[in-house]
């Protein structure tokens, strides 16, 4: 009996340790969720799995069944669409704390994923099964609010993307993109190729190179090998 009780105590200690470890990780990226400590939430987290995805890995493709929910703890995931002429349009990027609204839509409506999702960097994530995801929605108001706010914010971002794509010229979109990248990296030098910029803007490398040359002639940027320096 003593041995059995010790095994039970050790098992409970291990589960508590795992929960505290994962909650600590969540606190860095999802501070609101780290405050959720109900027993049922603890059970969900204890039964979730942590995974590491190498950079460049294709996570989901159009038509893929979406059977899991991913809480991103570190790294970056790019979600994009591909046009019939093989150009790519970036819909959004997932950073730690962000939710993929397309995967949530797939889970809620039980339908296939509608875009490409690729790990741009090495990614660490907490994976919940479909059942765990729905249980988390049922037991945690904090998680519910987190999902709803994320859906609202991402919908607004997609509306902005649509508006800029339809109503703004390509050179304006290029300038805005360079500005956002500069602010995000807190530097005037952006390490990116012309082909990568073309991919971001659903254009061709030749067109982007021509626009960049025009900006350089106007003194707005200075082009280097694999980098662009903002000068204005």
C-alpha atoms as a PDB file:
ATOM      1  CA  UNK A   1       0.000   0.000   0.000  1.00  0.00           C
ATOM      2  CA  UNK A   2       2.838   2.374   0.878  1.00  0.00           C
ATOM      3  CA  UNK A   3       4.555   1.644  -2.445  1.00  0.00           C
ATOM      4  CA  UNK A   4       1.316   2.210  -4.348  1.00  0.00           C
ATOM      5  CA  UNK A   5       0.697   5.483  -2.525  1.00  0.00           C
ATOM      6  CA  UNK A   6       4.249   6.628  -3.277  1.00  0.00           C
ATOM      7  CA  UNK A   7       3.695   5.895  -6.967  1.00  0.00           C
ATOM      8  CA  UNK A   8       0.486   7.936  -6.920  1.00  0.00           C
ATOM      9  CA  UNK A   9       2.189  10.809  -5.115  1.00  0.00           C
ATOM     10  CA  UNK A  10       5.112  10.777  -7.560  1.00  0.00           C
ATOM     11  CA  UNK A  11       2.725  10.746 -10.528  1.00  0.00           C
ATOM     12  CA  UNK A  12       0.780  13.703  -9.159  1.00  0.00           C
ATOM     13  CA  UNK A  13       4.023  15.558  -8.489  1.00  0.00           C
ATOM     14  CA  UNK A  14       5.175  14.975 -12.074  1.00  0.00           C
ATOM     15  CA  UNK A  15       1.861  16.261 -13.466  1.00  0.00           C
ATOM     16  CA  UNK A  16       2.007  19.350 -11.257  1.00  0.00           C
ATOM     17  CA  UNK A  17       5.597  19.989 -12.329  1.00  0.00           C
ATOM     18  CA  UNK A  18       4.667  19.653 -16.002  1.00  0.00           C
ATOM     19  CA  UNK A  19       1.724  22.024 -15.581  1.00  0.00           C
ATOM     20  CA  UNK A  20       3.879  24.634 -13.841  1.00  0.00           C
ATOM     21  CA  UNK A  21       6.552  24.312 -16.533  1.00  0.00           C
ATOM     22  CA  UNK A  22       4.069  24.785 -19.388  1.00  0.00           C
ATOM     23  CA  UNK A  23       2.244  27.581 -17.564  1.00  0.00           C
ATOM     24  CA  UNK A  24       5.587  29.327 -17.148  1.00  0.00           C
ATOM     25  CA  UNK A  25       6.182  29.057 -20.896  1.00  0.00           C
ATOM     26  CA  UNK A  26       2.700  30.396 -21.598  1.00  0.00           C
ATOM     27  CA  UNK A  27       3.315  33.340 -19.263  1.00  0.00           C
ATOM     28  CA  UNK A  28       5.984  34.689 -21.632  1.00  0.00           C
ATOM     29  CA  UNK A  29       3.779  34.650 -24.721  1.00  0.00           C
ATOM     30  CA  UNK A  30       0.189  34.420 -23.446  1.00  0.00           C
ATOM     31  CA  UNK A  31       0.145  36.144 -20.049  1.00  0.00           C
ATOM     32  CA  UNK A  32      -3.648  36.056 -19.726  1.00  0.00           C
ATOM     33  CA  UNK A  33      -3.780  32.300 -20.259  1.00  0.00           C
ATOM     34  CA  UNK A  34      -1.070  31.741 -17.694  1.00  0.00           C
ATOM     35  CA  UNK A  35      -3.518  33.017 -15.066  1.00  0.00           C
ATOM     36  CA  UNK A  36      -5.930  30.140 -15.736  1.00  0.00           C
ATOM     37  CA  UNK A  37      -5.380  27.511 -13.023  1.00  0.00           C
ATOM     38  CA  UNK A  38      -8.667  25.595 -12.788  1.00  0.00           C
ATOM     39  CA  UNK A  39      -8.312  21.807 -12.339  1.00  0.00           C
ATOM     40  CA  UNK A  40      -9.880  21.047 -15.741  1.00  0.00           C
ATOM     41  CA  UNK A  41      -7.563  23.523 -17.475  1.00  0.00           C
ATOM     42  CA  UNK A  42      -4.621  21.937 -15.661  1.00  0.00           C
ATOM     43  CA  UNK A  43      -5.742  18.537 -16.941  1.00  0.00           C
ATOM     44  CA  UNK A  44      -5.908  19.839 -20.524  1.00  0.00           C
ATOM     45  CA  UNK A  45      -2.409  21.327 -20.342  1.00  0.00           C
ATOM     46  CA  UNK A  46      -0.996  18.196 -18.708  1.00  0.00           C
ATOM     47  CA  UNK A  47      -2.373  16.072 -21.558  1.00  0.00           C
ATOM     48  CA  UNK A  48      -1.215  18.446 -24.300  1.00  0.00           C
ATOM     49  CA  UNK A  49       2.004  17.709 -26.159  1.00  0.00           C
ATOM     50  CA  UNK A  50       4.904  20.074 -26.768  1.00  0.00           C
ATOM     51  CA  UNK A  51       6.520  19.858 -30.190  1.00  0.00           C
ATOM     52  CA  UNK A  52       9.450  21.394 -32.064  1.00  0.00           C
ATOM     53  CA  UNK A  53       9.062  21.991 -35.811  1.00  0.00           C
ATOM     54  CA  UNK A  54      12.224  22.639 -37.890  1.00  0.00           C
ATOM     55  CA  UNK A  55      12.471  25.762 -40.055  1.00  0.00           C
ATOM     56  CA  UNK A  56      11.099  25.257 -43.572  1.00  0.00           C
ATOM     57  CA  UNK A  57       8.661  22.521 -42.580  1.00  0.00           C
ATOM     58  CA  UNK A  58       5.272  22.545 -44.280  1.00  0.00           C
ATOM     59  CA  UNK A  59       2.735  22.368 -41.456  1.00  0.00           C
ATOM     60  CA  UNK A  60      -0.528  22.486 -43.428  1.00  0.00           C
ATOM     61  CA  UNK A  61      -1.585  22.752 -47.068  1.00  0.00           C
ATOM     62  CA  UNK A  62      -4.918  23.515 -48.781  1.00  0.00           C
ATOM     63  CA  UNK A  63      -7.192  20.529 -48.332  1.00  0.00           C
ATOM     64  CA  UNK A  64      -5.305  19.166 -45.325  1.00  0.00           C
ATOM     65  CA  UNK A  65      -7.514  18.028 -42.446  1.00  0.00           C
ATOM     66  CA  UNK A  66      -7.022  20.226 -39.400  1.00  0.00           C
ATOM     67  CA  UNK A  67      -7.114  17.883 -36.408  1.00  0.00           C
ATOM     68  CA  UNK A  68      -5.101  19.877 -33.865  1.00  0.00           C
ATOM     69  CA  UNK A  69      -4.871  23.317 -32.315  1.00  0.00           C
ATOM     70  CA  UNK A  70      -1.452  24.926 -31.969  1.00  0.00           C
ATOM     71  CA  UNK A  71      -0.407  27.427 -29.301  1.00  0.00           C
ATOM     72  CA  UNK A  72       2.793  28.979 -30.615  1.00  0.00           C
ATOM     73  CA  UNK A  73       5.448  29.397 -27.902  1.00  0.00           C
ATOM     74  CA  UNK A  74       8.409  30.456 -30.068  1.00  0.00           C
ATOM     75  CA  UNK A  75       9.278  30.987 -33.735  1.00  0.00           C
ATOM     76  CA  UNK A  76       7.354  32.255 -36.750  1.00  0.00           C
ATOM     77  CA  UNK A  77       4.833  30.557 -39.050  1.00  0.00           C
ATOM     78  CA  UNK A  78       3.892  32.050 -42.419  1.00  0.00           C
ATOM     79  CA  UNK A  79       0.350  31.504 -43.705  1.00  0.00           C
ATOM     80  CA  UNK A  80      -0.124  32.212 -47.403  1.00  0.00           C
ATOM     81  CA  UNK A  81      -2.145  31.535 -50.535  1.00  0.00           C
ATOM     82  CA  UNK A  82      -0.858  30.617 -53.973  1.00  0.00           C
ATOM     83  CA  UNK A  83      -2.263  32.166 -57.148  1.00  0.00           C
ATOM     84  CA  UNK A  84      -2.907  30.125 -60.323  1.00  0.00           C
ATOM     85  CA  UNK A  85       0.329  31.511 -61.805  1.00  0.00           C
ATOM     86  CA  UNK A  86       2.290  30.270 -58.749  1.00  0.00           C
ATOM     87  CA  UNK A  87       2.690  33.638 -57.072  1.00  0.00           C
ATOM     88  CA  UNK A  88       2.340  33.691 -53.307  1.00  0.00           C
ATOM     89  CA  UNK A  89       0.298  36.080 -51.185  1.00  0.00           C
ATOM     90  CA  UNK A  90       1.158  36.271 -47.501  1.00  0.00           C
ATOM     91  CA  UNK A  91      -2.072  36.345 -45.486  1.00  0.00           C
ATOM     92  CA  UNK A  92      -0.434  36.728 -42.095  1.00  0.00           C
ATOM     93  CA  UNK A  93       2.403  35.555 -39.892  1.00  0.00           C
ATOM     94  CA  UNK A  94       2.026  33.824 -36.580  1.00  0.00           C
ATOM     95  CA  UNK A  95       4.342  34.908 -33.796  1.00  0.00           C
ATOM     96  CA  UNK A  96       4.346  33.625 -30.203  1.00  0.00           C
ATOM     97  CA  UNK A  97       0.936  34.356 -28.738  1.00  0.00           C
ATOM     98  CA  UNK A  98      -0.846  34.558 -32.117  1.00  0.00           C
ATOM     99  CA  UNK A  99      -3.618  32.184 -33.184  1.00  0.00           C
ATOM    100  CA  UNK A 100      -4.195  30.864 -36.695  1.00  0.00           C
ATOM    101  CA  UNK A 101      -7.762  31.883 -37.518  1.00  0.00           C
ATOM    102  CA  UNK A 102      -7.921  29.579 -40.537  1.00  0.00           C
ATOM    103  CA  UNK A 103      -7.112  26.546 -38.407  1.00  0.00           C
ATOM    104  CA  UNK A 104      -9.685  27.630 -35.815  1.00  0.00           C
ATOM    105  CA  UNK A 105     -12.238  27.989 -38.621  1.00  0.00           C
ATOM    106  CA  UNK A 106     -11.344  24.497 -39.840  1.00  0.00           C
ATOM    107  CA  UNK A 107     -11.768  23.043 -36.350  1.00  0.00           C
ATOM    108  CA  UNK A 108     -15.061  24.828 -35.668  1.00  0.00           C
ATOM    109  CA  UNK A 109     -16.607  23.918 -39.024  1.00  0.00           C
ATOM    110  CA  UNK A 110     -14.878  20.554 -39.357  1.00  0.00           C
ATOM    111  CA  UNK A 111     -13.522  21.339 -42.815  1.00  0.00           C
ATOM    112  CA  UNK A 112     -10.141  21.245 -44.525  1.00  0.00           C
ATOM    113  CA  UNK A 113      -7.503  23.932 -44.132  1.00  0.00           C
ATOM    114  CA  UNK A 114      -7.659  26.574 -46.854  1.00  0.00           C
ATOM    115  CA  UNK A 115      -4.078  27.852 -47.191  1.00  0.00           C
ATOM    116  CA  UNK A 116      -0.404  26.978 -46.808  1.00  0.00           C
ATOM    117  CA  UNK A 117       1.282  27.201 -43.399  1.00  0.00           C
ATOM    118  CA  UNK A 118       5.065  26.902 -43.218  1.00  0.00           C
ATOM    119  CA  UNK A 119       7.507  27.269 -40.335  1.00  0.00           C
ATOM    120  CA  UNK A 120       9.742  30.208 -41.297  1.00  0.00           C
ATOM    121  CA  UNK A 121      11.961  29.557 -38.289  1.00  0.00           C
ATOM    122  CA  UNK A 122      12.246  26.687 -35.866  1.00  0.00           C
ATOM    123  CA  UNK A 123       8.949  26.594 -33.978  1.00  0.00           C
ATOM    124  CA  UNK A 124       8.051  25.398 -30.505  1.00  0.00           C
ATOM    125  CA  UNK A 125       4.348  24.867 -29.897  1.00  0.00           C
ATOM    126  CA  UNK A 126       1.870  23.352 -27.499  1.00  0.00           C
ATOM    127  CA  UNK A 127      -0.494  21.029 -29.358  1.00  0.00           C
ATOM    128  CA  UNK A 128      -4.088  20.398 -28.287  1.00  0.00           C
ATOM    129  CA  UNK A 129      -6.238  17.761 -29.943  1.00  0.00           C
ATOM    130  CA  UNK A 130      -9.588  18.802 -31.374  1.00  0.00           C
ATOM    131  CA  UNK A 131     -11.317  17.438 -28.281  1.00  0.00           C
ATOM    132  CA  UNK A 132      -8.954  19.290 -25.952  1.00  0.00           C
ATOM    133  CA  UNK A 133      -9.530  22.506 -27.878  1.00  0.00           C
ATOM    134  CA  UNK A 134     -13.319  22.297 -27.501  1.00  0.00           C
ATOM    135  CA  UNK A 135     -12.970  21.342 -23.853  1.00  0.00           C
ATOM    136  CA  UNK A 136     -10.703  24.349 -23.264  1.00  0.00           C
ATOM    137  CA  UNK A 137     -13.349  26.601 -24.808  1.00  0.00           C
ATOM    138  CA  UNK A 138     -15.954  25.089 -22.481  1.00  0.00           C
ATOM    139  CA  UNK A 139     -13.995  25.304 -19.230  1.00  0.00           C
ATOM    140  CA  UNK A 140     -12.040  28.544 -19.516  1.00  0.00           C
ATOM    141  CA  UNK A 141     -13.560  31.979 -20.030  1.00  0.00           C
ATOM    142  CA  UNK A 142     -10.037  33.385 -20.367  1.00  0.00           C
ATOM    143  CA  UNK A 143      -9.369  31.007 -23.271  1.00  0.00           C
ATOM    144  CA  UNK A 144     -12.720  31.864 -24.871  1.00  0.00           C
ATOM    145  CA  UNK A 145     -11.931  35.595 -24.752  1.00  0.00           C
ATOM    146  CA  UNK A 146      -8.431  34.956 -26.057  1.00  0.00           C
ATOM    147  CA  UNK A 147      -9.794  33.087 -29.089  1.00  0.00           C
ATOM    148  CA  UNK A 148     -12.515  35.669 -29.799  1.00  0.00           C
ATOM    149  CA  UNK A 149     -10.146  38.645 -29.552  1.00  0.00           C
ATOM    150  CA  UNK A 150      -7.625  36.877 -31.791  1.00  0.00           C
ATOM    151  CA  UNK A 151     -10.318  36.149 -34.383  1.00  0.00           C
ATOM    152  CA  UNK A 152     -11.444  39.778 -34.344  1.00  0.00           C
ATOM    153  CA  UNK A 153      -7.904  41.165 -34.629  1.00  0.00           C
ATOM    154  CA  UNK A 154      -6.932  38.817 -37.448  1.00  0.00           C
ATOM    155  CA  UNK A 155     -10.150  39.549 -39.361  1.00  0.00           C
ATOM    156  CA  UNK A 156      -9.279  43.254 -39.171  1.00  0.00           C
ATOM    157  CA  UNK A 157      -5.761  42.514 -40.447  1.00  0.00           C
ATOM    158  CA  UNK A 158      -7.151  40.546 -43.403  1.00  0.00           C
ATOM    159  CA  UNK A 159      -9.531  43.385 -44.263  1.00  0.00           C
ATOM    160  CA  UNK A 160      -6.581  45.785 -44.277  1.00  0.00           C
ATOM    161  CA  UNK A 161      -4.641  43.399 -46.511  1.00  0.00           C
ATOM    162  CA  UNK A 162      -7.550  43.231 -48.955  1.00  0.00           C
ATOM    163  CA  UNK A 163      -7.952  47.020 -48.985  1.00  0.00           C
ATOM    164  CA  UNK A 164      -4.283  47.696 -49.619  1.00  0.00           C
ATOM    165  CA  UNK A 165      -4.111  45.024 -52.318  1.00  0.00           C
ATOM    166  CA  UNK A 166      -7.147  46.397 -54.146  1.00  0.00           C
ATOM    167  CA  UNK A 167      -6.806  50.137 -53.658  1.00  0.00           C
ATOM    168  CA  UNK A 168      -3.081  50.884 -53.237  1.00  0.00           C
ATOM    169  CA  UNK A 169      -0.466  50.812 -55.985  1.00  0.00           C
ATOM    170  CA  UNK A 170       2.291  48.217 -55.846  1.00  0.00           C
ATOM    171  CA  UNK A 171       5.031  50.780 -55.215  1.00  0.00           C
ATOM    172  CA  UNK A 172       3.055  52.184 -52.252  1.00  0.00           C
ATOM    173  CA  UNK A 173       2.581  48.685 -50.850  1.00  0.00           C
ATOM    174  CA  UNK A 174       6.312  48.041 -51.292  1.00  0.00           C
ATOM    175  CA  UNK A 175       7.268  51.210 -49.419  1.00  0.00           C
ATOM    176  CA  UNK A 176       4.828  50.396 -46.604  1.00  0.00           C
ATOM    177  CA  UNK A 177       6.180  46.845 -46.351  1.00  0.00           C
ATOM    178  CA  UNK A 178       9.773  48.072 -46.105  1.00  0.00           C
ATOM    179  CA  UNK A 179       8.717  50.539 -43.424  1.00  0.00           C
ATOM    180  CA  UNK A 180       6.980  47.818 -41.378  1.00  0.00           C
ATOM    181  CA  UNK A 181       9.994  45.530 -41.666  1.00  0.00           C
ATOM    182  CA  UNK A 182      12.319  48.312 -40.566  1.00  0.00           C
ATOM    183  CA  UNK A 183      10.185  49.112 -37.527  1.00  0.00           C
ATOM    184  CA  UNK A 184       9.831  45.437 -36.621  1.00  0.00           C
ATOM    185  CA  UNK A 185      13.606  44.888 -36.711  1.00  0.00           C
ATOM    186  CA  UNK A 186      14.428  48.332 -35.232  1.00  0.00           C
ATOM    187  CA  UNK A 187      17.049  48.916 -37.922  1.00  0.00           C
ATOM    188  CA  UNK A 188      17.328  50.753 -41.236  1.00  0.00           C
ATOM    189  CA  UNK A 189      18.902  47.720 -42.901  1.00  0.00           C
ATOM    190  CA  UNK A 190      16.502  44.994 -43.991  1.00  0.00           C
ATOM    191  CA  UNK A 191      17.931  41.605 -44.917  1.00  0.00           C
ATOM    192  CA  UNK A 192      15.657  40.327 -47.645  1.00  0.00           C
ATOM    193  CA  UNK A 193      15.953  39.419 -51.326  1.00  0.00           C
ATOM    194  CA  UNK A 194      13.967  40.831 -54.227  1.00  0.00           C
ATOM    195  CA  UNK A 195      12.392  37.414 -54.744  1.00  0.00           C
ATOM    196  CA  UNK A 196      11.231  37.310 -51.120  1.00  0.00           C
ATOM    197  CA  UNK A 197       9.704  40.799 -51.425  1.00  0.00           C
ATOM    198  CA  UNK A 198       7.926  39.697 -54.597  1.00  0.00           C
ATOM    199  CA  UNK A 199       6.521  36.714 -52.718  1.00  0.00           C
ATOM    200  CA  UNK A 200       5.232  38.977 -49.966  1.00  0.00           C
ATOM    201  CA  UNK A 201       3.463  41.255 -52.440  1.00  0.00           C
ATOM    202  CA  UNK A 202       2.208  38.630 -54.918  1.00  0.00           C
ATOM    203  CA  UNK A 203       4.326  40.116 -57.681  1.00  0.00           C
ATOM    204  CA  UNK A 204       7.290  39.040 -59.780  1.00  0.00           C
ATOM    205  CA  UNK A 205      10.941  39.513 -58.914  1.00  0.00           C
ATOM    206  CA  UNK A 206      11.493  41.559 -62.075  1.00  0.00           C
ATOM    207  CA  UNK A 207       8.754  44.042 -61.185  1.00  0.00           C
ATOM    208  CA  UNK A 208       9.968  44.425 -57.594  1.00  0.00           C
ATOM    209  CA  UNK A 209      13.573  44.902 -58.752  1.00  0.00           C
ATOM    210  CA  UNK A 210      12.464  47.680 -61.089  1.00  0.00           C
ATOM    211  CA  UNK A 211      10.515  49.429 -58.329  1.00  0.00           C
ATOM    212  CA  UNK A 212      13.458  49.131 -55.947  1.00  0.00           C
ATOM    213  CA  UNK A 213      15.795  50.628 -58.549  1.00  0.00           C
ATOM    214  CA  UNK A 214      13.387  53.560 -58.907  1.00  0.00           C
ATOM    215  CA  UNK A 215      13.391  54.063 -55.137  1.00  0.00           C
ATOM    216  CA  UNK A 216      17.189  53.951 -55.123  1.00  0.00           C
ATOM    217  CA  UNK A 217      17.400  56.581 -57.874  1.00  0.00           C
ATOM    218  CA  UNK A 218      15.091  58.789 -55.782  1.00  0.00           C
ATOM    219  CA  UNK A 219      17.437  58.424 -52.824  1.00  0.00           C
ATOM    220  CA  UNK A 220      14.930  56.559 -50.643  1.00  0.00           C
ATOM    221  CA  UNK A 221      16.938  53.344 -50.298  1.00  0.00           C
ATOM    222  CA  UNK A 222      20.356  51.862 -50.941  1.00  0.00           C
ATOM    223  CA  UNK A 223      20.464  48.373 -52.442  1.00  0.00           C
ATOM    224  CA  UNK A 224      23.013  45.796 -51.330  1.00  0.00           C
ATOM    225  CA  UNK A 225      23.528  42.089 -51.798  1.00  0.00           C
ATOM    226  CA  UNK A 226      20.607  40.447 -49.993  1.00  0.00           C
ATOM    227  CA  UNK A 227      19.754  43.637 -48.096  1.00  0.00           C
ATOM    228  CA  UNK A 228      18.078  47.011 -48.445  1.00  0.00           C
ATOM    229  CA  UNK A 229      19.026  50.095 -46.445  1.00  0.00           C
ATOM    230  CA  UNK A 230      16.424  52.810 -45.883  1.00  0.00           C
ATOM    231  CA  UNK A 231      17.958  56.250 -46.334  1.00  0.00           C
ATOM    232  CA  UNK A 232      14.923  58.540 -46.256  1.00  0.00           C
END
